[in-house]
Amino acid sequence: MNKKVLLLCGSPKDGKRSACAVIGERFLIQLRRKNFSAEMRSIGRLIKTEDGVEKLDALICRSDIIVFISPVYLDTVPSSVTRLMELSIRKKYFTGTQKILAAVSVCGYPESFHNDTALMVYKQFAHEAGLRWAGGIAIGQGPAYVYAQSIFRILGIYRKMDRAFDVAAQAFDEDTDIPEGAACITRRSIIPDRVYTFVAILIVRLLSAKCGAWNLCKRPYERSAS
């Protein structure tokens, strides 16, 4: 019987504009190539209602491998992910199971090491919930995977990510932990840090100007020194 893999997307954004959703779709392709029964669901959408929580419970119960794929907010996991963790501990979703937990953490910073604290949170949760921690993958420059999809396809940049996910899927298939080599593949910046930062600042300025905020350094509510 094929193992069932559930990707839990922690991004508060719905649809494919989310970097986590775009990256999660790449992971699903590699999992299905290994004959896994894999699907991705939005935590934020399900956690809001009682019916959604019950559906989430059922999805988790029938899955063999749980993979969180979420952004980093203030150096840690999003509130929807924290809420799910607390709920699963309280309702004992994982009691008596032999499920595997892994995580893909995505940050908007140029450097992927900003995901390290979030990955430690996932690892600690696995310990508290009685799950087997299979490891995590850290990805930086998340917004680029949304706004530069066409360019990435032309340049073949997605191939590096696909290679890391293929290694992770192979580890799941062999019932082993994700090798450090897979994590190292995605830790290297896909765009030079200075170029990424320059473009990011330019986009912020353009979006701010569109909203009428021309001077980003202005502090209209700052008290003048007396």
C-alpha atoms as a PDB file:
ATOM      1  CA  MET A   1       0.000   0.000   0.000  1.00  0.00           C
ATOM      2  CA  ASN A   2       1.313   3.461  -0.936  1.00  0.00           C
ATOM      3  CA  LYS A   3       2.235   5.756   1.900  1.00  0.00           C
ATOM      4  CA  LYS A   4       0.111   8.886   2.284  1.00  0.00           C
ATOM      5  CA  VAL A   5       1.873  12.238   2.593  1.00  0.00           C
ATOM      6  CA  LEU A   6       0.049  15.342   3.811  1.00  0.00           C
ATOM      7  CA  LEU A   7       1.605  18.744   3.114  1.00  0.00           C
ATOM      8  CA  LEU A   8       0.226  21.315   5.539  1.00  0.00           C
ATOM      9  CA  CYS A   9       0.667  24.812   4.113  1.00  0.00           C
ATOM     10  CA  GLY A  10       0.925  27.407   6.867  1.00  0.00           C
ATOM     11  CA  SER A  11       0.817  30.495   4.668  1.00  0.00           C
ATOM     12  CA  PRO A  12      -2.135  32.810   5.432  1.00  0.00           C
ATOM     13  CA  LYS A  13      -2.400  33.569   1.717  1.00  0.00           C
ATOM     14  CA  ASP A  14      -4.867  31.543  -0.314  1.00  0.00           C
ATOM     15  CA  GLY A  15      -4.161  30.479  -3.860  1.00  0.00           C
ATOM     16  CA  LYS A  16      -0.954  30.205  -5.830  1.00  0.00           C
ATOM     17  CA  ARG A  17       0.359  33.677  -4.951  1.00  0.00           C
ATOM     18  CA  SER A  18       1.901  32.150  -1.851  1.00  0.00           C
ATOM     19  CA  ALA A  19       5.571  31.132  -2.096  1.00  0.00           C
ATOM     20  CA  CYS A  20       4.807  28.128   0.121  1.00  0.00           C
ATOM     21  CA  ALA A  21       2.028  26.992  -2.223  1.00  0.00           C
ATOM     22  CA  VAL A  22       4.294  27.316  -5.274  1.00  0.00           C
ATOM     23  CA  ILE A  23       7.119  25.442  -3.562  1.00  0.00           C
ATOM     24  CA  GLY A  24       4.682  22.862  -2.170  1.00  0.00           C
ATOM     25  CA  GLU A  25       3.458  22.086  -5.683  1.00  0.00           C
ATOM     26  CA  ARG A  26       7.052  21.270  -6.679  1.00  0.00           C
ATOM     27  CA  PHE A  27       7.336  18.912  -3.710  1.00  0.00           C
ATOM     28  CA  LEU A  28       4.051  17.200  -4.607  1.00  0.00           C
ATOM     29  CA  ILE A  29       5.387  16.415  -8.096  1.00  0.00           C
ATOM     30  CA  GLN A  30       8.455  14.652  -6.678  1.00  0.00           C
ATOM     31  CA  LEU A  31       6.391  12.748  -4.103  1.00  0.00           C
ATOM     32  CA  ARG A  32       3.948  11.496  -6.718  1.00  0.00           C
ATOM     33  CA  ARG A  33       6.824  10.369  -8.923  1.00  0.00           C
ATOM     34  CA  LYS A  34       7.792   8.071  -6.050  1.00  0.00           C
ATOM     35  CA  ASN A  35       4.221   6.728  -6.058  1.00  0.00           C
ATOM     36  CA  PHE A  36       3.218   8.459  -2.827  1.00  0.00           C
ATOM     37  CA  SER A  37      -0.400   9.462  -2.364  1.00  0.00           C
ATOM     38  CA  ALA A  38       0.229  13.141  -1.649  1.00  0.00           C
ATOM     39  CA  GLU A  39      -1.941  16.204  -1.173  1.00  0.00           C
ATOM     40  CA  MET A  40      -1.531  19.748   0.165  1.00  0.00           C
ATOM     41  CA  ARG A  41      -3.997  21.580   2.396  1.00  0.00           C
ATOM     42  CA  SER A  42      -4.106  25.090   3.862  1.00  0.00           C
ATOM     43  CA  ILE A  43      -3.916  25.155   7.652  1.00  0.00           C
ATOM     44  CA  GLY A  44      -5.273  28.690   7.917  1.00  0.00           C
ATOM     45  CA  ARG A  45      -8.382  27.857   5.926  1.00  0.00           C
ATOM     46  CA  LEU A  46      -9.222  24.699   7.905  1.00  0.00           C
ATOM     47  CA  ILE A  47      -8.324  25.860  11.406  1.00  0.00           C
ATOM     48  CA  LYS A  48     -10.949  28.640  11.390  1.00  0.00           C
ATOM     49  CA  THR A  49     -14.032  26.444  11.838  1.00  0.00           C
ATOM     50  CA  GLU A  50     -15.051  23.378  13.810  1.00  0.00           C
ATOM     51  CA  ASP A  51     -15.848  21.525  10.592  1.00  0.00           C
ATOM     52  CA  GLY A  52     -12.426  22.461   9.255  1.00  0.00           C
ATOM     53  CA  VAL A  53     -10.711  21.218  12.417  1.00  0.00           C
ATOM     54  CA  GLU A  54     -12.560  17.888  12.143  1.00  0.00           C
ATOM     55  CA  LYS A  55     -11.533  17.603   8.496  1.00  0.00           C
ATOM     56  CA  LEU A  56      -7.946  18.377   9.440  1.00  0.00           C
ATOM     57  CA  ASP A  57      -8.073  15.713  12.135  1.00  0.00           C
ATOM     58  CA  ALA A  58      -9.292  13.147   9.580  1.00  0.00           C
ATOM     59  CA  LEU A  59      -6.592  14.143   7.081  1.00  0.00           C
ATOM     60  CA  ILE A  60      -3.855  13.783   9.706  1.00  0.00           C
ATOM     61  CA  CYS A  61      -5.206  10.445  10.958  1.00  0.00           C
ATOM     62  CA  ARG A  62      -5.080   8.810   7.530  1.00  0.00           C
ATOM     63  CA  SER A  63      -1.628  10.171   6.636  1.00  0.00           C
ATOM     64  CA  ASP A  64       1.652   8.381   7.264  1.00  0.00           C
ATOM     65  CA  ILE A  65       3.922  11.392   6.767  1.00  0.00           C
ATOM     66  CA  ILE A  66       3.129  14.983   7.759  1.00  0.00           C
ATOM     67  CA  VAL A  67       5.122  17.805   6.171  1.00  0.00           C
ATOM     68  CA  PHE A  68       4.714  21.386   7.332  1.00  0.00           C
ATOM     69  CA  ILE A  69       5.521  23.904   4.603  1.00  0.00           C
ATOM     70  CA  SER A  70       5.268  27.381   6.044  1.00  0.00           C
ATOM     71  CA  PRO A  71       6.765  30.864   5.956  1.00  0.00           C
ATOM     72  CA  VAL A  72       8.777  32.443   8.741  1.00  0.00           C
ATOM     73  CA  TYR A  73       7.198  35.318  10.660  1.00  0.00           C
ATOM     74  CA  LEU A  74       9.324  37.115  13.255  1.00  0.00           C
ATOM     75  CA  ASP A  75      11.841  34.245  13.193  1.00  0.00           C
ATOM     76  CA  THR A  76       9.287  31.567  14.002  1.00  0.00           C
ATOM     77  CA  VAL A  77       6.287  29.677  12.627  1.00  0.00           C
ATOM     78  CA  PRO A  78       2.980  31.426  11.731  1.00  0.00           C
ATOM     79  CA  SER A  79       0.178  31.644  14.304  1.00  0.00           C
ATOM     80  CA  SER A  80      -1.984  29.147  12.387  1.00  0.00           C
ATOM     81  CA  VAL A  81       0.798  26.553  12.656  1.00  0.00           C
ATOM     82  CA  THR A  82       1.238  27.237  16.376  1.00  0.00           C
ATOM     83  CA  ARG A  83      -2.507  26.865  16.884  1.00  0.00           C
ATOM     84  CA  LEU A  84      -2.549  23.531  15.052  1.00  0.00           C
ATOM     85  CA  MET A  85       0.370  22.293  17.149  1.00  0.00           C
ATOM     86  CA  GLU A  86      -1.388  23.249  20.384  1.00  0.00           C
ATOM     87  CA  LEU A  87      -4.659  21.715  19.185  1.00  0.00           C
ATOM     88  CA  SER A  88      -3.036  18.449  18.120  1.00  0.00           C
ATOM     89  CA  ILE A  89      -1.289  18.088  21.483  1.00  0.00           C
ATOM     90  CA  ARG A  90      -4.491  18.847  23.405  1.00  0.00           C
ATOM     91  CA  LYS A  91      -6.675  16.515  21.337  1.00  0.00           C
ATOM     92  CA  LYS A  92      -3.933  13.878  21.094  1.00  0.00           C
ATOM     93  CA  TYR A  93      -4.081  13.565  17.306  1.00  0.00           C
ATOM     94  CA  PHE A  94      -0.882  11.542  17.231  1.00  0.00           C
ATOM     95  CA  THR A  95      -1.311   9.301  20.281  1.00  0.00           C
ATOM     96  CA  GLY A  96      -0.454   5.690  19.502  1.00  0.00           C
ATOM     97  CA  THR A  97       0.664   6.458  15.940  1.00  0.00           C
ATOM     98  CA  GLN A  98       4.005   5.953  14.217  1.00  0.00           C
ATOM     99  CA  LYS A  99       3.808   8.978  11.959  1.00  0.00           C
ATOM    100  CA  ILE A 100       6.752  10.864  10.510  1.00  0.00           C
ATOM    101  CA  LEU A 101       7.108  14.646  10.636  1.00  0.00           C
ATOM    102  CA  ALA A 102       9.235  16.812   8.335  1.00  0.00           C
ATOM    103  CA  ALA A 103       9.188  20.506   7.492  1.00  0.00           C
ATOM    104  CA  VAL A 104       9.991  22.943   4.714  1.00  0.00           C
ATOM    105  CA  SER A 105      10.526  26.448   6.065  1.00  0.00           C
ATOM    106  CA  VAL A 106      10.471  29.407   3.666  1.00  0.00           C
ATOM    107  CA  CYS A 107      11.686  32.915   4.489  1.00  0.00           C
ATOM    108  CA  GLY A 108      11.772  36.143   2.518  1.00  0.00           C
ATOM    109  CA  TYR A 109      15.301  37.016   3.586  1.00  0.00           C
ATOM    110  CA  PRO A 110      18.205  36.458   1.187  1.00  0.00           C
ATOM    111  CA  GLU A 111      19.858  34.007   3.592  1.00  0.00           C
ATOM    112  CA  SER A 112      18.163  30.701   4.373  1.00  0.00           C
ATOM    113  CA  PHE A 113      19.610  30.469   7.902  1.00  0.00           C
ATOM    114  CA  HIS A 114      16.751  32.690   9.107  1.00  0.00           C
ATOM    115  CA  ASN A 115      14.663  29.489   8.987  1.00  0.00           C
ATOM    116  CA  ASP A 116      16.779  27.733  11.611  1.00  0.00           C
ATOM    117  CA  THR A 117      14.678  28.752  14.637  1.00  0.00           C
ATOM    118  CA  ALA A 118      11.446  27.685  12.925  1.00  0.00           C
ATOM    119  CA  LEU A 119      12.944  24.302  12.072  1.00  0.00           C
ATOM    120  CA  MET A 120      13.908  23.838  15.730  1.00  0.00           C
ATOM    121  CA  VAL A 121      10.274  24.566  16.658  1.00  0.00           C
ATOM    122  CA  TYR A 122       9.096  21.818  14.298  1.00  0.00           C
ATOM    123  CA  LYS A 123      11.655  19.416  15.721  1.00  0.00           C
ATOM    124  CA  GLN A 124      10.581  20.162  19.290  1.00  0.00           C
ATOM    125  CA  PHE A 125       6.933  19.718  18.322  1.00  0.00           C
ATOM    126  CA  ALA A 126       7.746  16.297  16.869  1.00  0.00           C
ATOM    127  CA  HIS A 127       9.325  15.355  20.205  1.00  0.00           C
ATOM    128  CA  GLU A 128       6.335  16.660  22.219  1.00  0.00           C
ATOM    129  CA  ALA A 129       3.793  14.962  19.944  1.00  0.00           C
ATOM    130  CA  GLY A 130       5.582  11.614  19.861  1.00  0.00           C
ATOM    131  CA  LEU A 131       6.375  11.813  16.152  1.00  0.00           C
ATOM    132  CA  ARG A 132       9.561  10.747  14.411  1.00  0.00           C
ATOM    133  CA  TRP A 133      11.419  13.819  13.207  1.00  0.00           C
ATOM    134  CA  ALA A 134      12.737  13.208   9.684  1.00  0.00           C
ATOM    135  CA  GLY A 135      14.438  16.577   9.231  1.00  0.00           C
ATOM    136  CA  GLY A 136      13.783  19.900   7.577  1.00  0.00           C
ATOM    137  CA  ILE A 137      14.618  21.917   4.488  1.00  0.00           C
ATOM    138  CA  ALA A 138      15.301  25.659   4.663  1.00  0.00           C
ATOM    139  CA  ILE A 139      14.601  27.917   1.691  1.00  0.00           C
ATOM    140  CA  GLY A 140      15.467  31.600   1.445  1.00  0.00           C
ATOM    141  CA  GLN A 141      14.365  34.275  -1.039  1.00  0.00           C
ATOM    142  CA  GLY A 142      10.814  32.896  -0.970  1.00  0.00           C
ATOM    143  CA  PRO A 143       9.042  35.749  -2.834  1.00  0.00           C
ATOM    144  CA  ALA A 144      11.287  35.175  -5.857  1.00  0.00           C
ATOM    145  CA  TYR A 145       9.582  31.820  -6.403  1.00  0.00           C
ATOM    146  CA  VAL A 146       6.292  33.701  -6.877  1.00  0.00           C
ATOM    147  CA  TYR A 147       7.296  36.799  -8.823  1.00  0.00           C
ATOM    148  CA  ALA A 148      10.002  35.238 -10.999  1.00  0.00           C
ATOM    149  CA  GLN A 149       8.380  31.923 -11.923  1.00  0.00           C
ATOM    150  CA  SER A 150       8.707  32.412 -15.682  1.00  0.00           C
ATOM    151  CA  ILE A 151      12.371  33.437 -15.430  1.00  0.00           C
ATOM    152  CA  PHE A 152      13.122  30.538 -13.067  1.00  0.00           C
ATOM    153  CA  ARG A 153      11.638  28.043 -15.522  1.00  0.00           C
ATOM    154  CA  ILE A 154      13.696  29.444 -18.400  1.00  0.00           C
ATOM    155  CA  LEU A 155      16.925  29.447 -16.374  1.00  0.00           C
ATOM    156  CA  GLY A 156      16.260  25.991 -14.919  1.00  0.00           C
ATOM    157  CA  ILE A 157      16.501  27.247 -11.340  1.00  0.00           C
ATOM    158  CA  TYR A 158      13.666  24.976 -10.216  1.00  0.00           C
ATOM    159  CA  ARG A 159      15.819  21.966 -11.023  1.00  0.00           C
ATOM    160  CA  LYS A 160      17.911  22.553  -7.897  1.00  0.00           C
ATOM    161  CA  MET A 161      14.830  22.588  -5.687  1.00  0.00           C
ATOM    162  CA  ASP A 162      13.394  19.553  -7.469  1.00  0.00           C
ATOM    163  CA  ARG A 163      16.644  17.683  -6.793  1.00  0.00           C
ATOM    164  CA  ALA A 164      16.391  18.429  -3.063  1.00  0.00           C
ATOM    165  CA  PHE A 165      12.760  17.327  -2.959  1.00  0.00           C
ATOM    166  CA  ASP A 166      13.583  14.184  -4.919  1.00  0.00           C
ATOM    167  CA  VAL A 167      16.196  13.283  -2.294  1.00  0.00           C
ATOM    168  CA  ALA A 168      13.642  13.962   0.480  1.00  0.00           C
ATOM    169  CA  ALA A 169      11.010  11.810  -1.274  1.00  0.00           C
ATOM    170  CA  GLN A 170      13.557   9.017  -1.664  1.00  0.00           C
ATOM    171  CA  ALA A 171      14.297   9.215   2.065  1.00  0.00           C
ATOM    172  CA  PHE A 172      10.578   8.908   2.831  1.00  0.00           C
ATOM    173  CA  ASP A 173      10.376   5.915   0.505  1.00  0.00           C
ATOM    174  CA  GLU A 174      13.283   4.225   2.283  1.00  0.00           C
ATOM    175  CA  ASP A 175      11.940   5.199   5.729  1.00  0.00           C
ATOM    176  CA  THR A 176      15.060   7.214   6.580  1.00  0.00           C
ATOM    177  CA  ASP A 177      15.691  10.818   7.595  1.00  0.00           C
ATOM    178  CA  ILE A 178      16.158  13.560   5.003  1.00  0.00           C
ATOM    179  CA  PRO A 179      19.919  13.663   4.291  1.00  0.00           C
ATOM    180  CA  GLU A 180      21.843  16.802   5.136  1.00  0.00           C
ATOM    181  CA  GLY A 181      22.789  16.969   1.477  1.00  0.00           C
ATOM    182  CA  ALA A 182      19.197  17.765   0.498  1.00  0.00           C
ATOM    183  CA  ALA A 183      19.074  20.629   2.988  1.00  0.00           C
ATOM    184  CA  CYS A 184      22.400  21.974   1.723  1.00  0.00           C
ATOM    185  CA  ILE A 185      21.100  22.146  -1.861  1.00  0.00           C
ATOM    186  CA  THR A 186      18.414  24.687  -0.952  1.00  0.00           C
ATOM    187  CA  ARG A 187      20.528  26.638   1.533  1.00  0.00           C
ATOM    188  CA  ARG A 188      22.569  28.190  -1.260  1.00  0.00           C
ATOM    189  CA  SER A 189      21.112  31.432  -2.608  1.00  0.00           C
ATOM    190  CA  ILE A 190      19.500  31.143  -6.028  1.00  0.00           C
ATOM    191  CA  ILE A 191      20.000  34.859  -6.723  1.00  0.00           C
ATOM    192  CA  PRO A 192      23.040  36.904  -5.595  1.00  0.00           C
ATOM    193  CA  ASP A 193      22.096  38.482  -2.259  1.00  0.00           C
ATOM    194  CA  ARG A 194      22.798  42.046  -3.405  1.00  0.00           C
ATOM    195  CA  VAL A 195      20.685  41.632  -6.536  1.00  0.00           C
ATOM    196  CA  TYR A 196      17.816  40.112  -4.536  1.00  0.00           C
ATOM    197  CA  THR A 197      17.944  42.910  -1.931  1.00  0.00           C
ATOM    198  CA  PHE A 198      18.072  45.626  -4.600  1.00  0.00           C
ATOM    199  CA  VAL A 199      15.051  44.216  -6.441  1.00  0.00           C
ATOM    200  CA  ALA A 200      13.141  43.697  -3.172  1.00  0.00           C
ATOM    201  CA  ILE A 201      13.705  47.326  -2.130  1.00  0.00           C
ATOM    202  CA  LEU A 202      12.669  48.504  -5.589  1.00  0.00           C
ATOM    203  CA  ILE A 203       9.428  46.498  -5.403  1.00  0.00           C
ATOM    204  CA  VAL A 204       8.659  47.870  -1.920  1.00  0.00           C
ATOM    205  CA  ARG A 205       9.210  51.435  -3.146  1.00  0.00           C
ATOM    206  CA  LEU A 206       6.974  50.897  -6.177  1.00  0.00           C
ATOM    207  CA  LEU A 207       4.191  49.370  -4.073  1.00  0.00           C
ATOM    208  CA  SER A 208       4.519  52.167  -1.497  1.00  0.00           C
ATOM    209  CA  ALA A 209       4.362  54.837  -4.212  1.00  0.00           C
ATOM    210  CA  LYS A 210       1.228  53.167  -5.575  1.00  0.00           C
ATOM    211  CA  CYS A 211      -0.342  53.670  -2.135  1.00  0.00           C
ATOM    212  CA  GLY A 212       0.828  57.304  -1.993  1.00  0.00           C
ATOM    213  CA  ALA A 213       3.692  56.713   0.454  1.00  0.00           C
ATOM    214  CA  TRP A 214       6.600  58.315  -1.374  1.00  0.00           C
ATOM    215  CA  ASN A 215       8.935  58.892   1.576  1.00  0.00           C
ATOM    216  CA  LEU A 216       9.581  55.583   3.372  1.00  0.00           C
ATOM    217  CA  CYS A 217      11.803  57.304   5.951  1.00  0.00           C
ATOM    218  CA  LYS A 218       9.122  59.761   7.052  1.00  0.00           C
ATOM    219  CA  ARG A 219       8.060  59.489  10.717  1.00  0.00           C
ATOM    220  CA  PRO A 220       4.945  61.646  11.074  1.00  0.00           C
ATOM    221  CA  TYR A 221       4.063  60.357  14.550  1.00  0.00           C
ATOM    222  CA  GLU A 222       7.521  60.600  16.065  1.00  0.00           C
ATOM    223  CA  ARG A 223       7.617  63.033  18.996  1.00  0.00           C
ATOM    224  CA  SER A 224       9.996  65.912  18.584  1.00  0.00           C
ATOM    225  CA  ALA A 225      12.686  66.190  21.209  1.00  0.00           C
ATOM    226  CA  SER A 226      11.790  68.806  23.830  1.00  0.00           C
END
